[in-house]
Each structure stands twice: as structure tokens, then as C-alpha cells.
Amino acid sequence: NVVLNSSRGASFQEYIQTRELRGEPGSNLHLLASSGALVLRSGKQLNIQSSGSGISLTSPSAVQLNAGSGKIILNSSTVLLSGLPVATSTTTPSQPAGNVYEVCVCGSSG
């Protein structure tokens, strides 16, 4: 075990490889790449879990979810897509006006 007793944390110049990384009990754990990318990789499965209030992804531009093969599954009693533009059109459904946005929802069979 390595314990770092510094209020400023630790800085590493190269890769860190470890089985487990924990913050102090009752404190937040921050991983920061101030001028580059933060990469989390797994040879099998990557799990991000919170037993507290939730998980938040924030980006000044885009948040992308990619599944090379398989599906992206949103499993919840409620899925909220806020901030989508509302389209108004006086044309027929077969000839929609420009800037019409569509969200497709499929059943569990895909």
C-alpha cells in the first residue's frame, strides 16, 4: 500500500498501473489531466458505479457514447432528453420542412 499524505495530491510523469485506487473515506477522489486526455482502459469490462447520488458526465463540447459492436443500453424507468429543439412544420409528414429533429425509440428487440 502507498499512502500519500498531501493536501495537493500527487503528480506522476508516466503511467500508473494499479489494481485499485481509492480516496480517503468520506472524501472525493479526483483524477485530473489538466492539459491532456484522461484515459481509462480495460481489457474486459469497465464499470463506473456510484452508490451515492448519481453519475454526471460534463463536457464543454460533446459527450460521445460509442459501441463498436453491440448496443448502448439506457436502462431506467425514465429517460429524459432535455433541450431538444421543438420543430413546427406546416408541410406534410412525407415532405418535412428543414431543421426537423427526430428521435427514434425501439422496443427491446432492437
PDB file of N, CA and C in Angstrom:
ATOM      1  N   ASN A   1       0.829  -1.190   0.000  1.00  0.00           N
ATOM      2  CA  ASN A   1       0.000   0.000   0.000  1.00  0.00           C
ATOM      3  C   ASN A   1       0.870   1.250   0.000  1.00  0.00           C
ATOM      4  N   VAL A   2       0.463   2.240  -0.777  1.00  0.00           N
ATOM      5  CA  VAL A   2       1.131   3.536  -0.790  1.00  0.00           C
ATOM      6  C   VAL A   2       0.119   4.556  -0.304  1.00  0.00           C
ATOM      7  N   VAL A   3       0.479   5.317   0.716  1.00  0.00           N
ATOM      8  CA  VAL A   3      -0.399   6.348   1.252  1.00  0.00           C
ATOM      9  C   VAL A   3       0.257   7.694   0.991  1.00  0.00           C
ATOM     10  N   LEU A   4      -0.472   8.603   0.357  1.00  0.00           N
ATOM     11  CA  LEU A   4       0.032   9.938   0.076  1.00  0.00           C
ATOM     12  C   LEU A   4      -0.609  10.907   1.051  1.00  0.00           C
ATOM     13  N   ASN A   5       0.188  11.543   1.858  1.00  0.00           N
ATOM     14  CA  ASN A   5      -0.322  12.485   2.855  1.00  0.00           C
ATOM     15  C   ASN A   5      -0.015  13.910   2.407  1.00  0.00           C
ATOM     16  N   SER A   6      -0.770  14.393   1.443  1.00  0.00           N
ATOM     17  CA  SER A   6      -0.568  15.740   0.935  1.00  0.00           C
ATOM     18  C   SER A   6      -1.916  16.316   0.557  1.00  0.00           C
ATOM     19  N   SER A   7      -2.167  17.559   0.937  1.00  0.00           N
ATOM     20  CA  SER A   7      -3.436  18.186   0.580  1.00  0.00           C
ATOM     21  C   SER A   7      -3.483  18.508  -0.912  1.00  0.00           C
ATOM     22  N   ARG A   8      -2.323  18.535  -1.584  1.00  0.00           N
ATOM     23  CA  ARG A   8      -2.264  18.828  -3.015  1.00  0.00           C
ATOM     24  C   ARG A   8      -2.290  17.576  -3.864  1.00  0.00           C
ATOM     25  N   GLY A   9      -2.340  16.405  -3.269  1.00  0.00           N
ATOM     26  CA  GLY A   9      -2.375  15.170  -4.032  1.00  0.00           C
ATOM     27  C   GLY A   9      -1.007  14.747  -4.491  1.00  0.00           C
ATOM     28  N   ALA A  10      -0.946  14.075  -5.632  1.00  0.00           N
ATOM     29  CA  ALA A  10       0.313  13.572  -6.170  1.00  0.00           C
ATOM     30  C   ALA A  10       0.348  13.828  -7.667  1.00  0.00           C
ATOM     31  N   SER A  11       1.539  13.964  -8.202  1.00  0.00           N
ATOM     32  CA  SER A  11       1.727  14.174  -9.624  1.00  0.00           C
ATOM     33  C   SER A  11       2.638  13.074 -10.151  1.00  0.00           C
ATOM     34  N   PHE A  12       2.281  12.480 -11.274  1.00  0.00           N
ATOM     35  CA  PHE A  12       3.058  11.410 -11.874  1.00  0.00           C
ATOM     36  C   PHE A  12       3.399  11.795 -13.310  1.00  0.00           C
ATOM     37  N   GLN A  13       4.614  11.528 -13.728  1.00  0.00           N
ATOM     38  CA  GLN A  13       5.058  11.873 -15.074  1.00  0.00           C
ATOM     39  C   GLN A  13       4.741  10.779 -16.083  1.00  0.00           C
ATOM     40  N   GLU A  14       4.595   9.558 -15.643  1.00  0.00           N
ATOM     41  CA  GLU A  14       4.367   8.430 -16.540  1.00  0.00           C
ATOM     42  C   GLU A  14       3.060   7.730 -16.165  1.00  0.00           C
ATOM     43  N   TYR A  15       2.873   6.533 -16.683  1.00  0.00           N
ATOM     44  CA  TYR A  15       1.667   5.755 -16.437  1.00  0.00           C
ATOM     45  C   TYR A  15       1.601   5.273 -14.992  1.00  0.00           C
ATOM     46  N   ILE A  16       0.364   5.066 -14.528  1.00  0.00           N
ATOM     47  CA  ILE A  16       0.121   4.437 -13.234  1.00  0.00           C
ATOM     48  C   ILE A  16      -0.638   3.153 -13.515  1.00  0.00           C
ATOM     49  N   GLN A  17      -0.160   2.060 -12.992  1.00  0.00           N
ATOM     50  CA  GLN A  17      -0.860   0.788 -13.119  1.00  0.00           C
ATOM     51  C   GLN A  17      -1.072   0.249 -11.717  1.00  0.00           C
ATOM     52  N   THR A  18      -2.334  -0.005 -11.391  1.00  0.00           N
ATOM     53  CA  THR A  18      -2.654  -0.497 -10.062  1.00  0.00           C
ATOM     54  C   THR A  18      -3.952  -1.289 -10.115  1.00  0.00           C
ATOM     55  N   ARG A  19      -4.139  -2.182  -9.176  1.00  0.00           N
ATOM     56  CA  ARG A  19      -5.400  -2.936  -9.099  1.00  0.00           C
ATOM     57  C   ARG A  19      -6.522  -2.058  -8.586  1.00  0.00           C
ATOM     58  N   GLU A  20      -6.214  -1.124  -7.718  1.00  0.00           N
ATOM     59  CA  GLU A  20      -7.261  -0.323  -7.076  1.00  0.00           C
ATOM     60  C   GLU A  20      -6.716   1.042  -6.696  1.00  0.00           C
ATOM     61  N   LEU A  21      -7.544   2.058  -6.854  1.00  0.00           N
ATOM     62  CA  LEU A  21      -7.195   3.414  -6.471  1.00  0.00           C
ATOM     63  C   LEU A  21      -8.339   3.961  -5.645  1.00  0.00           C
ATOM     64  N   ARG A  22      -8.059   4.384  -4.418  1.00  0.00           N
ATOM     65  CA  ARG A  22      -9.105   4.853  -3.507  1.00  0.00           C
ATOM     66  C   ARG A  22      -8.761   6.217  -2.941  1.00  0.00           C
ATOM     67  N   GLY A  23      -9.802   6.988  -2.679  1.00  0.00           N
ATOM     68  CA  GLY A  23      -9.641   8.228  -1.936  1.00  0.00           C
ATOM     69  C   GLY A  23      -9.842   7.943  -0.454  1.00  0.00           C
ATOM     70  N   GLU A  24      -9.542   8.924   0.353  1.00  0.00           N
ATOM     71  CA  GLU A  24      -9.780   8.788   1.792  1.00  0.00           C
ATOM     72  C   GLU A  24     -11.273   8.606   2.057  1.00  0.00           C
ATOM     73  N   PRO A  25     -11.648   7.783   3.019  1.00  0.00           N
ATOM     74  CA  PRO A  25     -13.068   7.617   3.349  1.00  0.00           C
ATOM     75  C   PRO A  25     -13.707   8.971   3.682  1.00  0.00           C
ATOM     76  N   GLY A  26     -14.859   9.230   3.071  1.00  0.00           N
ATOM     77  CA  GLY A  26     -15.572  10.483   3.300  1.00  0.00           C
ATOM     78  C   GLY A  26     -15.097  11.631   2.433  1.00  0.00           C
ATOM     79  N   SER A  27     -14.072  11.417   1.603  1.00  0.00           N
ATOM     80  CA  SER A  27     -13.550  12.467   0.727  1.00  0.00           C
ATOM     81  C   SER A  27     -13.755  12.089  -0.733  1.00  0.00           C
ATOM     82  N   ASN A  28     -13.714  13.078  -1.603  1.00  0.00           N
ATOM     83  CA  ASN A  28     -13.827  12.840  -3.038  1.00  0.00           C
ATOM     84  C   ASN A  28     -12.480  12.395  -3.597  1.00  0.00           C
ATOM     85  N   LEU A  29     -12.511  11.605  -4.660  1.00  0.00           N
ATOM     86  CA  LEU A  29     -11.310  11.206  -5.379  1.00  0.00           C
ATOM     87  C   LEU A  29     -11.337  11.925  -6.715  1.00  0.00           C
ATOM     88  N   HIS A  30     -10.309  12.704  -7.006  1.00  0.00           N
ATOM     89  CA  HIS A  30     -10.236  13.465  -8.254  1.00  0.00           C
ATOM     90  C   HIS A  30      -9.110  12.916  -9.110  1.00  0.00           C
ATOM     91  N   LEU A  31      -9.413  12.642 -10.379  1.00  0.00           N
ATOM     92  CA  LEU A  31      -8.403  12.285 -11.369  1.00  0.00           C
ATOM     93  C   LEU A  31      -8.379  13.432 -12.369  1.00  0.00           C
ATOM     94  N   LEU A  32      -7.223  14.033 -12.585  1.00  0.00           N
ATOM     95  CA  LEU A  32      -7.145  15.247 -13.385  1.00  0.00           C
ATOM     96  C   LEU A  32      -6.042  15.131 -14.420  1.00  0.00           C
ATOM     97  N   ALA A  33      -6.372  15.444 -15.658  1.00  0.00           N
ATOM     98  CA  ALA A  33      -5.391  15.604 -16.719  1.00  0.00           C
ATOM     99  C   ALA A  33      -5.564  17.036 -17.209  1.00  0.00           C
ATOM    100  N   SER A  34      -4.839  17.968 -16.604  1.00  0.00           N
ATOM    101  CA  SER A  34      -5.108  19.392 -16.812  1.00  0.00           C
ATOM    102  C   SER A  34      -4.872  19.876 -18.240  1.00  0.00           C
ATOM    103  N   SER A  35      -3.984  19.247 -18.992  1.00  0.00           N
ATOM    104  CA  SER A  35      -3.735  19.724 -20.351  1.00  0.00           C
ATOM    105  C   SER A  35      -3.839  18.627 -21.399  1.00  0.00           C
ATOM    106  N   GLY A  36      -4.286  17.464 -21.017  1.00  0.00           N
ATOM    107  CA  GLY A  36      -4.395  16.359 -21.977  1.00  0.00           C
ATOM    108  C   GLY A  36      -5.652  15.567 -21.738  1.00  0.00           C
ATOM    109  N   ALA A  37      -5.636  14.315 -22.137  1.00  0.00           N
ATOM    110  CA  ALA A  37      -6.798  13.443 -22.017  1.00  0.00           C
ATOM    111  C   ALA A  37      -6.635  12.519 -20.820  1.00  0.00           C
ATOM    112  N   LEU A  38      -7.741  12.165 -20.222  1.00  0.00           N
ATOM    113  CA  LEU A  38      -7.761  11.153 -19.172  1.00  0.00           C
ATOM    114  C   LEU A  38      -8.326   9.894 -19.802  1.00  0.00           C
ATOM    115  N   VAL A  39      -7.567   8.821 -19.771  1.00  0.00           N
ATOM    116  CA  VAL A  39      -7.952   7.584 -20.443  1.00  0.00           C
ATOM    117  C   VAL A  39      -8.104   6.483 -19.404  1.00  0.00           C
ATOM    118  N   LEU A  40      -9.259   5.835 -19.410  1.00  0.00           N
ATOM    119  CA  LEU A  40      -9.497   4.655 -18.582  1.00  0.00           C
ATOM    120  C   LEU A  40      -9.660   3.485 -19.539  1.00  0.00           C
ATOM    121  N   ARG A  41      -8.842   2.445 -19.375  1.00  0.00           N
ATOM    122  CA  ARG A  41      -8.896   1.307 -20.284  1.00  0.00           C
ATOM    123  C   ARG A  41      -9.058   0.028 -19.499  1.00  0.00           C
ATOM    124  N   SER A  42      -9.731  -0.911 -20.142  1.00  0.00           N
ATOM    125  CA  SER A  42      -9.913  -2.219 -19.533  1.00  0.00           C
ATOM    126  C   SER A  42      -9.838  -3.277 -20.622  1.00  0.00           C
ATOM    127  N   GLY A  43      -9.216  -4.392 -20.302  1.00  0.00           N
ATOM    128  CA  GLY A  43      -9.149  -5.496 -21.244  1.00  0.00           C
ATOM    129  C   GLY A  43     -10.457  -6.246 -21.351  1.00  0.00           C
ATOM    130  N   LYS A  44     -11.313  -6.127 -20.345  1.00  0.00           N
ATOM    131  CA  LYS A  44     -12.593  -6.835 -20.350  1.00  0.00           C
ATOM    132  C   LYS A  44     -13.751  -5.860 -20.232  1.00  0.00           C
ATOM    133  N   GLN A  45     -14.069  -5.439 -19.052  1.00  0.00           N
ATOM    134  CA  GLN A  45     -15.252  -4.617 -18.811  1.00  0.00           C
ATOM    135  C   GLN A  45     -14.872  -3.419 -17.945  1.00  0.00           C
ATOM    136  N   LEU A  46     -15.423  -2.258 -18.248  1.00  0.00           N
ATOM    137  CA  LEU A  46     -15.189  -1.054 -17.465  1.00  0.00           C
ATOM    138  C   LEU A  46     -16.494  -0.686 -16.775  1.00  0.00           C
ATOM    139  N   ASN A  47     -16.491  -0.699 -15.457  1.00  0.00           N
ATOM    140  CA  ASN A  47     -17.682  -0.370 -14.676  1.00  0.00           C
ATOM    141  C   ASN A  47     -17.463   0.962 -13.970  1.00  0.00           C
ATOM    142  N   ILE A  48     -18.427   1.852 -14.100  1.00  0.00           N
ATOM    143  CA  ILE A  48     -18.432   3.101 -13.346  1.00  0.00           C
ATOM    144  C   ILE A  48     -19.701   3.067 -12.520  1.00  0.00           C
ATOM    145  N   GLN A  49     -19.548   3.012 -11.205  1.00  0.00           N
ATOM    146  CA  GLN A  49     -20.698   2.868 -10.324  1.00  0.00           C
ATOM    147  C   GLN A  49     -20.679   3.943  -9.256  1.00  0.00           C
ATOM    148  N   SER A  50     -21.855   4.325  -8.818  1.00  0.00           N
ATOM    149  CA  SER A  50     -22.000   5.251  -7.707  1.00  0.00           C
ATOM    150  C   SER A  50     -23.076   4.714  -6.781  1.00  0.00           C
ATOM    151  N   SER A  51     -22.733   4.545  -5.529  1.00  0.00           N
ATOM    152  CA  SER A  51     -23.745   4.126  -4.559  1.00  0.00           C
ATOM    153  C   SER A  51     -24.346   5.343  -3.876  1.00  0.00           C
ATOM    154  N   GLY A  52     -23.940   6.527  -4.302  1.00  0.00           N
ATOM    155  CA  GLY A  52     -24.439   7.786  -3.734  1.00  0.00           C
ATOM    156  C   GLY A  52     -25.536   8.384  -4.581  1.00  0.00           C
ATOM    157  N   SER A  53     -25.358   9.643  -4.975  1.00  0.00           N
ATOM    158  CA  SER A  53     -26.429  10.386  -5.630  1.00  0.00           C
ATOM    159  C   SER A  53     -26.473  10.234  -7.144  1.00  0.00           C
ATOM    160  N   GLY A  54     -25.465   9.733  -7.783  1.00  0.00           N
ATOM    161  CA  GLY A  54     -25.533   9.560  -9.224  1.00  0.00           C
ATOM    162  C   GLY A  54     -24.195   9.758  -9.893  1.00  0.00           C
ATOM    163  N   ILE A  55     -24.207   9.728 -11.220  1.00  0.00           N
ATOM    164  CA  ILE A  55     -23.017   9.909 -12.040  1.00  0.00           C
ATOM    165  C   ILE A  55     -23.312  11.024 -13.030  1.00  0.00           C
ATOM    166  N   SER A  56     -22.369  11.932 -13.192  1.00  0.00           N
ATOM    167  CA  SER A  56     -22.552  13.062 -14.090  1.00  0.00           C
ATOM    168  C   SER A  56     -21.397  13.124 -15.074  1.00  0.00           C
ATOM    169  N   LEU A  57     -21.693  13.279 -16.370  1.00  0.00           N
ATOM    170  CA  LEU A  57     -20.695  13.498 -17.406  1.00  0.00           C
ATOM    171  C   LEU A  57     -20.911  14.900 -17.942  1.00  0.00           C
ATOM    172  N   THR A  58     -19.879  15.720 -17.913  1.00  0.00           N
ATOM    173  CA  THR A  58     -19.994  17.095 -18.365  1.00  0.00           C
ATOM    174  C   THR A  58     -18.865  17.404 -19.332  1.00  0.00           C
ATOM    175  N   SER A  59     -19.184  18.099 -20.395  1.00  0.00           N
ATOM    176  CA  SER A  59     -18.183  18.463 -21.385  1.00  0.00           C
ATOM    177  C   SER A  59     -18.540  19.822 -21.967  1.00  0.00           C
ATOM    178  N   PRO A  60     -17.529  20.652 -22.290  1.00  0.00           N
ATOM    179  CA  PRO A  60     -17.841  21.935 -22.926  1.00  0.00           C
ATOM    180  C   PRO A  60     -18.281  21.770 -24.375  1.00  0.00           C
ATOM    181  N   SER A  61     -18.065  20.592 -24.971  1.00  0.00           N
ATOM    182  CA  SER A  61     -18.491  20.386 -26.351  1.00  0.00           C
ATOM    183  C   SER A  61     -19.426  19.189 -26.452  1.00  0.00           C
ATOM    184  N   ALA A  62     -18.928  18.001 -26.703  1.00  0.00           N
ATOM    185  CA  ALA A  62     -19.793  16.846 -26.941  1.00  0.00           C
ATOM    186  C   ALA A  62     -19.430  15.699 -26.006  1.00  0.00           C
ATOM    187  N   VAL A  63     -20.435  14.922 -25.644  1.00  0.00           N
ATOM    188  CA  VAL A  63     -20.238  13.671 -24.924  1.00  0.00           C
ATOM    189  C   VAL A  63     -20.647  12.575 -25.894  1.00  0.00           C
ATOM    190  N   GLN A  64     -19.743  11.645 -26.153  1.00  0.00           N
ATOM    191  CA  GLN A  64     -19.971  10.615 -27.153  1.00  0.00           C
ATOM    192  C   GLN A  64     -20.001   9.254 -26.493  1.00  0.00           C
ATOM    193  N   LEU A  65     -20.979   8.438 -26.842  1.00  0.00           N
ATOM    194  CA  LEU A  65     -21.045   7.047 -26.413  1.00  0.00           C
ATOM    195  C   LEU A  65     -20.922   6.188 -27.660  1.00  0.00           C
ATOM    196  N   ASN A  66     -19.886   5.373 -27.727  1.00  0.00           N
ATOM    197  CA  ASN A  66     -19.665   4.523 -28.897  1.00  0.00           C
ATOM    198  C   ASN A  66     -19.641   3.068 -28.477  1.00  0.00           C
ATOM    199  N   ALA A  67     -20.347   2.239 -29.223  1.00  0.00           N
ATOM    200  CA  ALA A  67     -20.286   0.794 -29.030  1.00  0.00           C
ATOM    201  C   ALA A  67     -19.830   0.207 -30.357  1.00  0.00           C
ATOM    202  N   GLY A  68     -18.577  -0.242 -30.414  1.00  0.00           N
ATOM    203  CA  GLY A  68     -18.023  -0.783 -31.652  1.00  0.00           C
ATOM    204  C   GLY A  68     -18.841  -1.932 -32.193  1.00  0.00           C
ATOM    205  N   SER A  69     -19.223  -2.831 -31.325  1.00  0.00           N
ATOM    206  CA  SER A  69     -20.130  -3.911 -31.693  1.00  0.00           C
ATOM    207  C   SER A  69     -21.030  -4.119 -30.487  1.00  0.00           C
ATOM    208  N   GLY A  70     -22.285  -4.168 -30.711  1.00  0.00           N
ATOM    209  CA  GLY A  70     -23.218  -4.306 -29.603  1.00  0.00           C
ATOM    210  C   GLY A  70     -24.160  -3.123 -29.532  1.00  0.00           C
ATOM    211  N   LYS A  71     -24.639  -2.844 -28.341  1.00  0.00           N
ATOM    212  CA  LYS A  71     -25.665  -1.823 -28.150  1.00  0.00           C
ATOM    213  C   LYS A  71     -25.272  -0.880 -27.024  1.00  0.00           C
ATOM    214  N   ILE A  72     -25.832   0.304 -27.056  1.00  0.00           N
ATOM    215  CA  ILE A  72     -25.789   1.221 -25.919  1.00  0.00           C
ATOM    216  C   ILE A  72     -27.161   1.114 -25.279  1.00  0.00           C
ATOM    217  N   ILE A  73     -27.196   0.705 -24.029  1.00  0.00           N
ATOM    218  CA  ILE A  73     -28.462   0.450 -23.349  1.00  0.00           C
ATOM    219  C   ILE A  73     -28.664   1.495 -22.258  1.00  0.00           C
ATOM    220  N   LEU A  74     -29.776   2.180 -22.302  1.00  0.00           N
ATOM    221  CA  LEU A  74     -30.179   3.098 -21.244  1.00  0.00           C
ATOM    222  C   LEU A  74     -31.274   2.382 -20.466  1.00  0.00           C
ATOM    223  N   ASN A  75     -30.953   1.895 -19.277  1.00  0.00           N
ATOM    224  CA  ASN A  75     -31.877   1.081 -18.501  1.00  0.00           C
ATOM    225  C   ASN A  75     -32.352   1.889 -17.300  1.00  0.00           C
ATOM    226  N   SER A  76     -33.535   2.461 -17.408  1.00  0.00           N
ATOM    227  CA  SER A  76     -34.078   3.307 -16.359  1.00  0.00           C
ATOM    228  C   SER A  76     -35.587   3.382 -16.516  1.00  0.00           C
ATOM    229  N   SER A  77     -36.258   3.688 -15.437  1.00  0.00           N
ATOM    230  CA  SER A  77     -37.711   3.872 -15.542  1.00  0.00           C
ATOM    231  C   SER A  77     -38.045   5.164 -16.280  1.00  0.00           C
ATOM    232  N   THR A  78     -37.104   6.110 -16.323  1.00  0.00           N
ATOM    233  CA  THR A  78     -37.312   7.377 -17.021  1.00  0.00           C
ATOM    234  C   THR A  78     -36.029   7.751 -17.756  1.00  0.00           C
ATOM    235  N   VAL A  79     -36.148   8.115 -19.037  1.00  0.00           N
ATOM    236  CA  VAL A  79     -35.037   8.658 -19.806  1.00  0.00           C
ATOM    237  C   VAL A  79     -35.460  10.041 -20.254  1.00  0.00           C
ATOM    238  N   LEU A  80     -34.722  11.057 -19.833  1.00  0.00           N
ATOM    239  CA  LEU A  80     -35.068  12.447 -20.121  1.00  0.00           C
ATOM    240  C   LEU A  80     -34.097  13.006 -21.142  1.00  0.00           C
ATOM    241  N   LEU A  81     -34.604  13.509 -22.248  1.00  0.00           N
ATOM    242  CA  LEU A  81     -33.804  14.183 -23.270  1.00  0.00           C
ATOM    243  C   LEU A  81     -34.215  15.645 -23.250  1.00  0.00           C
ATOM    244  N   SER A  82     -33.546  16.422 -22.438  1.00  0.00           N
ATOM    245  CA  SER A  82     -33.938  17.832 -22.321  1.00  0.00           C
ATOM    246  C   SER A  82     -33.151  18.685 -23.303  1.00  0.00           C
ATOM    247  N   GLY A  83     -33.696  19.827 -23.646  1.00  0.00           N
ATOM    248  CA  GLY A  83     -33.006  20.768 -24.514  1.00  0.00           C
ATOM    249  C   GLY A  83     -33.088  20.458 -25.995  1.00  0.00           C
ATOM    250  N   LEU A  84     -33.883  19.461 -26.381  1.00  0.00           N
ATOM    251  CA  LEU A  84     -34.031  19.178 -27.809  1.00  0.00           C
ATOM    252  C   LEU A  84     -34.860  20.278 -28.455  1.00  0.00           C
ATOM    253  N   PRO A  85     -34.486  20.700 -29.656  1.00  0.00           N
ATOM    254  CA  PRO A  85     -35.287  21.722 -30.334  1.00  0.00           C
ATOM    255  C   PRO A  85     -36.674  21.195 -30.666  1.00  0.00           C
ATOM    256  N   VAL A  86     -37.651  22.057 -30.571  1.00  0.00           N
ATOM    257  CA  VAL A  86     -39.022  21.697 -30.917  1.00  0.00           C
ATOM    258  C   VAL A  86     -39.276  22.178 -32.331  1.00  0.00           C
ATOM    259  N   ALA A  87     -39.719  21.268 -33.187  1.00  0.00           N
ATOM    260  CA  ALA A  87     -39.949  21.609 -34.582  1.00  0.00           C
ATOM    261  C   ALA A  87     -41.415  21.914 -34.817  1.00  0.00           C
ATOM    262  N   THR A  88     -41.673  22.931 -35.582  1.00  0.00           N
ATOM    263  CA  THR A  88     -43.030  23.218 -36.048  1.00  0.00           C
ATOM    264  C   THR A  88     -42.982  23.223 -37.569  1.00  0.00           C
ATOM    265  N   SER A  89     -43.953  22.581 -38.163  1.00  0.00           N
ATOM    266  CA  SER A  89     -43.954  22.444 -39.608  1.00  0.00           C
ATOM    267  C   SER A  89     -45.375  22.517 -40.125  1.00  0.00           C
ATOM    268  N   THR A  90     -45.519  23.154 -41.266  1.00  0.00           N
ATOM    269  CA  THR A  90     -46.833  23.209 -41.914  1.00  0.00           C
ATOM    270  C   THR A  90     -46.859  22.312 -43.147  1.00  0.00           C
ATOM    271  N   THR A  91     -45.785  21.541 -43.354  1.00  0.00           N
ATOM    272  CA  THR A  91     -45.735  20.642 -44.507  1.00  0.00           C
ATOM    273  C   THR A  91     -46.268  19.277 -44.110  1.00  0.00           C
ATOM    274  N   THR A  92     -46.399  18.412 -45.072  1.00  0.00           N
ATOM    275  CA  THR A  92     -46.893  17.064 -44.804  1.00  0.00           C
ATOM    276  C   THR A  92     -45.773  16.209 -44.213  1.00  0.00           C
ATOM    277  N   PRO A  93     -46.121  15.141 -43.489  1.00  0.00           N
ATOM    278  CA  PRO A  93     -45.088  14.279 -42.909  1.00  0.00           C
ATOM    279  C   PRO A  93     -44.152  13.657 -43.946  1.00  0.00           C
ATOM    280  N   SER A  94     -44.633  13.448 -45.182  1.00  0.00           N
ATOM    281  CA  SER A  94     -43.778  12.848 -46.206  1.00  0.00           C
ATOM    282  C   SER A  94     -42.773  13.856 -46.772  1.00  0.00           C
ATOM    283  N   GLN A  95     -43.012  15.153 -46.563  1.00  0.00           N
ATOM    284  CA  GLN A  95     -42.100  16.198 -47.014  1.00  0.00           C
ATOM    285  C   GLN A  95     -41.859  17.170 -45.857  1.00  0.00           C
ATOM    286  N   PRO A  96     -41.044  16.770 -44.872  1.00  0.00           N
ATOM    287  CA  PRO A  96     -40.838  17.646 -43.721  1.00  0.00           C
ATOM    288  C   PRO A  96     -40.050  18.889 -44.088  1.00  0.00           C
ATOM    289  N   ALA A  97     -40.276  19.942 -43.318  1.00  0.00           N
ATOM    290  CA  ALA A  97     -39.535  21.185 -43.503  1.00  0.00           C
ATOM    291  C   ALA A  97     -38.106  20.997 -43.020  1.00  0.00           C
ATOM    292  N   GLY A  98     -37.222  21.941 -43.320  1.00  0.00           N
ATOM    293  CA  GLY A  98     -35.840  21.872 -42.850  1.00  0.00           C
ATOM    294  C   GLY A  98     -35.764  22.011 -41.338  1.00  0.00           C
ATOM    295  N   ASN A  99     -34.652  21.575 -40.761  1.00  0.00           N
ATOM    296  CA  ASN A  99     -34.400  21.662 -39.321  1.00  0.00           C
ATOM    297  C   ASN A  99     -35.438  20.951 -38.470  1.00  0.00           C
ATOM    298  N   VAL A 100     -35.926  19.813 -38.923  1.00  0.00           N
ATOM    299  CA  VAL A 100     -36.826  18.989 -38.135  1.00  0.00           C
ATOM    300  C   VAL A 100     -35.986  17.900 -37.493  1.00  0.00           C
ATOM    301  N   TYR A 101     -36.116  17.738 -36.197  1.00  0.00           N
ATOM    302  CA  TYR A 101     -35.328  16.751 -35.472  1.00  0.00           C
ATOM    303  C   TYR A 101     -36.210  15.572 -35.114  1.00  0.00           C
ATOM    304  N   GLU A 102     -35.626  14.382 -35.156  1.00  0.00           N
ATOM    305  CA  GLU A 102     -36.381  13.160 -34.914  1.00  0.00           C
ATOM    306  C   GLU A 102     -35.640  12.296 -33.905  1.00  0.00           C
ATOM    307  N   VAL A 103     -36.364  11.747 -32.978  1.00  0.00           N
ATOM    308  CA  VAL A 103     -35.803  10.790 -32.018  1.00  0.00           C
ATOM    309  C   VAL A 103     -36.533   9.484 -32.236  1.00  0.00           C
ATOM    310  N   CYS A 104     -35.796   8.409 -32.508  1.00  0.00           N
ATOM    311  CA  CYS A 104     -36.389   7.110 -32.734  1.00  0.00           C
ATOM    312  C   CYS A 104     -36.220   6.260 -31.482  1.00  0.00           C
ATOM    313  N   VAL A 105     -37.279   5.599 -31.078  1.00  0.00           N
ATOM    314  CA  VAL A 105     -37.238   4.725 -29.909  1.00  0.00           C
ATOM    315  C   VAL A 105     -37.717   3.362 -30.342  1.00  0.00           C
ATOM    316  N   CYS A 106     -36.894   2.334 -30.087  1.00  0.00           N
ATOM    317  CA  CYS A 106     -37.235   0.971 -30.485  1.00  0.00           C
ATOM    318  C   CYS A 106     -37.555   0.138 -29.252  1.00  0.00           C
ATOM    319  N   GLY A 107     -38.290  -0.934 -29.452  1.00  0.00           N
ATOM    320  CA  GLY A 107     -38.578  -1.862 -28.370  1.00  0.00           C
ATOM    321  C   GLY A 107     -37.338  -2.642 -27.971  1.00  0.00           C
ATOM    322  N   SER A 108     -37.462  -3.529 -27.032  1.00  0.00           N
ATOM    323  CA  SER A 108     -36.319  -4.275 -26.508  1.00  0.00           C
ATOM    324  C   SER A 108     -35.693  -5.198 -27.547  1.00  0.00           C
ATOM    325  N   SER A 109     -36.382  -5.505 -28.618  1.00  0.00           N
ATOM    326  CA  SER A 109     -35.825  -6.383 -29.654  1.00  0.00           C
ATOM    327  C   SER A 109     -34.863  -5.638 -30.560  1.00  0.00           C
ATOM    328  N   GLY A 110     -34.763  -4.305 -30.410  1.00  0.00           N
ATOM    329  CA  GLY A 110     -33.751  -3.540 -31.106  1.00  0.00           C
ATOM    330  C   GLY A 110     -34.135  -2.943 -32.390  1.00  0.00           C
TER     331      GLY A 110
END
